Structures are given as structure tokens and as C-alpha cells.
C-alpha atoms as a PDB file:
ATOM      1  CA  MET A   1     135.826 137.450  84.756  1.00  0.00           C
ATOM      2  CA  HIS A   2     133.978 136.736  81.493  1.00  0.00           C
ATOM      3  CA  ASP A   3     133.710 139.636  79.037  1.00  0.00           C
ATOM      4  CA  ALA A   4     130.021 140.430  78.413  1.00  0.00           C
ATOM      5  CA  LEU A   5     130.679 140.740  74.660  1.00  0.00           C
ATOM      6  CA  THR A   6     132.534 137.441  74.189  1.00  0.00           C
ATOM      7  CA  PRO A   7     130.514 134.315  73.369  1.00  0.00           C
ATOM      8  CA  PRO A   8     129.141 132.295  74.930  1.00  0.00           C
ATOM      9  CA  PHE A   9     126.924 135.058  76.252  1.00  0.00           C
ATOM     10  CA  ASP A  10     125.710 134.780  79.838  1.00  0.00           C
ATOM     11  CA  THR A  11     122.985 137.331  79.186  1.00  0.00           C
ATOM     12  CA  LYS A  12     120.395 138.009  76.530  1.00  0.00           C
ATOM     13  CA  ILE A  13     118.835 141.078  74.922  1.00  0.00           C
ATOM     14  CA  ALA A  14     115.220 140.623  73.885  1.00  0.00           C
ATOM     15  CA  VAL A  15     112.846 142.994  72.128  1.00  0.00           C
ATOM     16  CA  LEU A  16     109.164 142.035  72.117  1.00  0.00           C
ATOM     17  CA  VAL A  17     106.984 143.781  69.543  1.00  0.00           C
ATOM     18  CA  ARG A  18     103.206 143.594  69.306  1.00  0.00           C
ATOM     19  CA  ASP A  19     102.108 141.338  66.467  1.00  0.00           C
ATOM     20  CA  ASP A  20      99.435 143.651  65.038  1.00  0.00           C
ATOM     21  CA  LEU A  21     101.738 146.542  64.098  1.00  0.00           C
ATOM     22  CA  ALA A  22     102.523 147.658  60.562  1.00  0.00           C
ATOM     23  CA  ALA A  23     106.011 146.745  59.343  1.00  0.00           C
ATOM     24  CA  TRP A  24     107.309 150.322  59.669  1.00  0.00           C
ATOM     25  CA  GLN A  25     106.006 150.467  63.247  1.00  0.00           C
ATOM     26  CA  ARG A  26     107.717 147.199  64.182  1.00  0.00           C
ATOM     27  CA  LEU A  27     111.015 148.485  62.836  1.00  0.00           C
ATOM     28  CA  ASN A  28     110.641 151.859  64.553  1.00  0.00           C
ATOM     29  CA  VAL A  29     109.732 150.294  67.901  1.00  0.00           C
ATOM     30  CA  THR A  30     112.629 147.828  67.686  1.00  0.00           C
ATOM     31  CA  ALA A  31     115.122 150.607  66.954  1.00  0.00           C
ATOM     32  CA  PHE A  32     113.891 152.792  69.811  1.00  0.00           C
ATOM     33  CA  LEU A  33     113.874 149.924  72.299  1.00  0.00           C
ATOM     34  CA  ALA A  34     117.360 148.718  71.333  1.00  0.00           C
ATOM     35  CA  SER A  35     118.625 152.253  71.937  1.00  0.00           C
ATOM     36  CA  GLY A  36     117.236 152.010  75.473  1.00  0.00           C
ATOM     37  CA  ILE A  37     119.270 148.879  76.139  1.00  0.00           C
ATOM     38  CA  ALA A  38     122.419 150.529  74.766  1.00  0.00           C
ATOM     39  CA  ALA A  39     121.865 153.668  76.861  1.00  0.00           C
ATOM     40  CA  ALA A  40     121.233 151.728  80.074  1.00  0.00           C
ATOM     41  CA  SER A  41     124.037 149.217  79.513  1.00  0.00           C
ATOM     42  CA  PRO A  42     127.002 150.923  77.867  1.00  0.00           C
ATOM     43  CA  HIS A  43     129.174 147.907  78.712  1.00  0.00           C
ATOM     44  CA  LEU A  44     127.187 146.042  76.039  1.00  0.00           C
ATOM     45  CA  VAL A  45     128.353 148.450  73.329  1.00  0.00           C
ATOM     46  CA  GLY A  46     131.407 147.309  71.415  1.00  0.00           C
ATOM     47  CA  ASP A  47     134.187 149.332  69.862  1.00  0.00           C
ATOM     48  CA  PRO A  48     133.712 151.631  66.863  1.00  0.00           C
ATOM     49  CA  TYR A  49     133.900 150.078  63.410  1.00  0.00           C
ATOM     50  CA  ALA A  50     136.194 151.054  60.549  1.00  0.00           C
ATOM     51  CA  ASP A  51     136.381 149.818  56.986  1.00  0.00           C
ATOM     52  CA  ALA A  52     139.565 148.981  55.094  1.00  0.00           C
ATOM     53  CA  ASP A  53     139.728 152.592  53.834  1.00  0.00           C
ATOM     54  CA  GLY A  54     139.856 153.862  57.415  1.00  0.00           C
ATOM     55  CA  THR A  55     136.349 155.337  57.402  1.00  0.00           C
ATOM     56  CA  ALA A  56     135.047 155.278  60.960  1.00  0.00           C
ATOM     57  CA  TYR A  57     131.564 154.063  61.929  1.00  0.00           C
ATOM     58  CA  LEU A  58     129.670 154.177  65.190  1.00  0.00           C
ATOM     59  CA  PRO A  59     129.867 151.355  67.719  1.00  0.00           C
ATOM     60  CA  MET A  60     126.834 149.118  68.206  1.00  0.00           C
ATOM     61  CA  LEU A  61     125.560 146.594  70.689  1.00  0.00           C
ATOM     62  CA  GLY A  62     128.152 143.847  70.788  1.00  0.00           C
ATOM     63  CA  MET A  63     125.785 140.934  71.174  1.00  0.00           C
ATOM     64  CA  PRO A  64     122.725 139.643  69.329  1.00  0.00           C
ATOM     65  CA  VAL A  65     119.342 141.287  69.845  1.00  0.00           C
ATOM     66  CA  LEU A  66     116.564 138.702  69.639  1.00  0.00           C
ATOM     67  CA  VAL A  67     113.314 140.121  68.290  1.00  0.00           C
ATOM     68  CA  PHE A  68     110.045 138.455  69.273  1.00  0.00           C
ATOM     69  CA  GLU A  69     106.422 139.151  68.484  1.00  0.00           C
ATOM     70  CA  ALA A  70     103.496 138.785  70.840  1.00  0.00           C
ATOM     71  CA  ASP A  71      99.969 139.968  71.396  1.00  0.00           C
ATOM     72  CA  ALA A  72      99.057 142.733  73.832  1.00  0.00           C
ATOM     73  CA  GLU A  73      98.341 140.310  76.699  1.00  0.00           C
ATOM     74  CA  VAL A  74     101.746 138.614  76.404  1.00  0.00           C
ATOM     75  CA  LEU A  75     103.436 142.044  76.379  1.00  0.00           C
ATOM     76  CA  ARG A  76     101.536 143.076  79.519  1.00  0.00           C
ATOM     77  CA  ALA A  77     102.467 139.831  81.284  1.00  0.00           C
ATOM     78  CA  ALA A  78     106.112 140.135  80.173  1.00  0.00           C
ATOM     79  CA  ARG A  79     106.310 143.644  81.636  1.00  0.00           C
ATOM     80  CA  GLU A  80     104.951 142.387  84.950  1.00  0.00           C
ATOM     81  CA  ARG A  81     107.341 139.395  85.039  1.00  0.00           C
ATOM     82  CA  ALA A  82     110.324 141.609  84.203  1.00  0.00           C
ATOM     83  CA  LEU A  83     109.471 144.029  86.991  1.00  0.00           C
ATOM     84  CA  ARG A  84     108.991 141.171  89.501  1.00  0.00           C
ATOM     85  CA  ARG A  85     112.462 139.927  88.523  1.00  0.00           C
ATOM     86  CA  GLU A  86     113.791 143.481  88.917  1.00  0.00           C
ATOM     87  CA  LEU A  87     115.003 143.617  85.333  1.00  0.00           C
ATOM     88  CA  ALA A  88     115.279 147.021  83.705  1.00  0.00           C
ATOM     89  CA  VAL A  89     112.713 147.408  80.934  1.00  0.00           C
ATOM     90  CA  ALA A  90     112.360 149.832  78.040  1.00  0.00           C
ATOM     91  CA  VAL A  91     108.769 150.381  76.902  1.00  0.00           C
ATOM     92  CA  TYR A  92     107.096 151.774  73.807  1.00  0.00           C
ATOM     93  CA  THR A  93     103.391 152.570  73.941  1.00  0.00           C
ATOM     94  CA  ALA A  94     100.835 153.096  71.177  1.00  0.00           C
ATOM     95  CA  ASP A  95     100.494 156.763  72.169  1.00  0.00           C
ATOM     96  CA  MET A  96     104.158 157.346  71.308  1.00  0.00           C
ATOM     97  CA  PHE A  97     103.351 156.952  67.592  1.00  0.00           C
ATOM     98  CA  GLY A  98     101.511 160.282  67.848  1.00  0.00           C
ATOM     99  CA  THR A  99     104.370 162.273  69.349  1.00  0.00           C
ATOM    100  CA  GLY A 100     107.340 163.846  67.682  1.00  0.00           C
ATOM    101  CA  HIS A 101     110.024 164.052  70.348  1.00  0.00           C
ATOM    102  CA  ASP A 102     111.486 162.515  73.490  1.00  0.00           C
ATOM    103  CA  GLU A 103     109.826 164.782  76.052  1.00  0.00           C
ATOM    104  CA  ALA A 104     106.377 164.090  74.584  1.00  0.00           C
ATOM    105  CA  ASN A 105     107.116 160.349  74.560  1.00  0.00           C
ATOM    106  CA  ARG A 106     107.971 160.424  78.267  1.00  0.00           C
ATOM    107  CA  ALA A 107     104.815 162.451  78.987  1.00  0.00           C
ATOM    108  CA  THR A 108     102.583 159.853  77.307  1.00  0.00           C
ATOM    109  CA  VAL A 109     104.075 157.106  79.457  1.00  0.00           C
ATOM    110  CA  ALA A 110     103.910 159.209  82.642  1.00  0.00           C
ATOM    111  CA  ALA A 111     100.197 159.891  82.095  1.00  0.00           C
ATOM    112  CA  VAL A 112      99.194 156.212  82.504  1.00  0.00           C
ATOM    113  CA  ALA A 113      99.664 153.787  85.411  1.00  0.00           C
ATOM    114  CA  GLY A 114     102.016 150.936  84.484  1.00  0.00           C
ATOM    115  CA  ALA A 115      99.331 148.252  84.385  1.00  0.00           C
ATOM    116  CA  GLY A 116      97.300 150.406  81.974  1.00  0.00           C
ATOM    117  CA  LEU A 117     100.040 151.144  79.440  1.00  0.00           C
ATOM    118  CA  ASP A 118      99.028 150.269  75.873  1.00  0.00           C
ATOM    119  CA  LEU A 119     102.309 148.485  75.163  1.00  0.00           C
ATOM    120  CA  VAL A 120     103.378 147.903  71.588  1.00  0.00           C
ATOM    121  CA  GLY A 121     106.896 146.870  72.558  1.00  0.00           C
ATOM    122  CA  LEU A 122     109.333 146.285  75.346  1.00  0.00           C
ATOM    123  CA  ALA A 123     113.003 145.438  75.604  1.00  0.00           C
ATOM    124  CA  LEU A 124     115.093 143.943  78.346  1.00  0.00           C
ATOM    125  CA  HIS A 125     118.536 142.624  79.066  1.00  0.00           C
ATOM    126  CA  GLY A 126     119.430 140.141  81.762  1.00  0.00           C
ATOM    127  CA  PRO A 127     120.496 136.604  82.538  1.00  0.00           C
ATOM    128  CA  LYS A 128     119.426 134.219  79.761  1.00  0.00           C
ATOM    129  CA  ASN A 129     117.128 132.167  81.996  1.00  0.00           C
ATOM    130  CA  ALA A 130     115.361 135.243  83.383  1.00  0.00           C
ATOM    131  CA  VAL A 131     114.848 136.773  79.937  1.00  0.00           C
ATOM    132  CA  ASP A 132     113.491 133.468  78.620  1.00  0.00           C
ATOM    133  CA  LYS A 133     110.970 133.327  81.468  1.00  0.00           C
ATOM    134  CA  VAL A 134     109.925 136.955  80.959  1.00  0.00           C
ATOM    135  CA  ALA A 135     109.426 136.411  77.208  1.00  0.00           C
ATOM    136  CA  LYS A 136     107.302 133.272  77.743  1.00  0.00           C
ATOM    137  CA  GLY A 137     104.455 133.214  75.235  1.00  0.00           C
ATOM    138  CA  ALA A 138     106.269 135.399  72.696  1.00  0.00           C
ATOM    139  CA  ARG A 139     107.611 133.830  69.521  1.00  0.00           C
ATOM    140  CA  LEU A 140     110.643 134.724  67.452  1.00  0.00           C
ATOM    141  CA  HIS A 141     109.626 137.324  64.906  1.00  0.00           C
ATOM    142  CA  PRO A 142     109.186 135.546  61.534  1.00  0.00           C
ATOM    143  CA  ALA A 143     111.640 137.912  59.861  1.00  0.00           C
ATOM    144  CA  THR A 144     114.389 136.675  62.212  1.00  0.00           C
ATOM    145  CA  ILE A 145     113.960 133.020  61.278  1.00  0.00           C
ATOM    146  CA  GLY A 146     116.279 132.095  58.420  1.00  0.00           C
END
């Protein structure tokens, strides 16, 4: 069996962030959403790091995280496609910028039907082909292009 953390990767992690956010918001949303992938898929987390002095560091996702940008309509459509494909999705809504803790974040999402969520970001992990189809219409975030 192929190890999920050894290239070539059979799966893909994608984070889609709304294109009208401030830079700090894009970074915050990306960090939160990547943590959702790590929490839901611990097999994607590699081993802890250590430097040559023996100082230990936390483990991280062991595969690339592709960051895309899209408008609100593309995010809404991506959420719907991901759910139709039965892919697990992490979401971040505009209302979450006004909260200060996890319980309040969950309450803002729970207060709105899925189709009405004001999405500013979503993340997913799955087979490459499925993730590509879900992310259709999104473009690689300009900061990720060398």
C-alpha cells in the first residue's frame, strides 16, 4: 500500500479563500482551515521535527497544501460539489471574524442553512481528480505562484 505522505501523492489538500479578503484575513482563514484538515485526517500529519541541536518542533501536514482564491459564487459552488462527492469540508464564514473562540465560531455556522453560509473559505482533502473538479473556477492564489 502507498504511504499517503510519500510522493507521488494520490490525494490533494486544497484551501479556497475568497478573493476580496484583506491579507491578514486570508492568512487567518488559511491557517484555520488547514487545521481542520489535520484534525480530520491525522494520517496526513508527519513526524515531529528536530533541528541539529536536538530542539523538538511540532509535526505538520506531510504534503503540500494548495491555496486558491475565488469569488463568493465559486466558493458556494465548490461547497456544493464537495458535498455531492461526499468529501469532508472545513468552512470559514464571514461571521467568524466577529467571534473570539471555537464555540462561538460553531454557533455562527449552526445559525445558517448550508446554502446560505457567507463563505470566505473552505478546505478539503481527497483524490486529486475530485479535488480538482470541486475547485473548478478557483485560481492558484498569486502569492503561491513563484
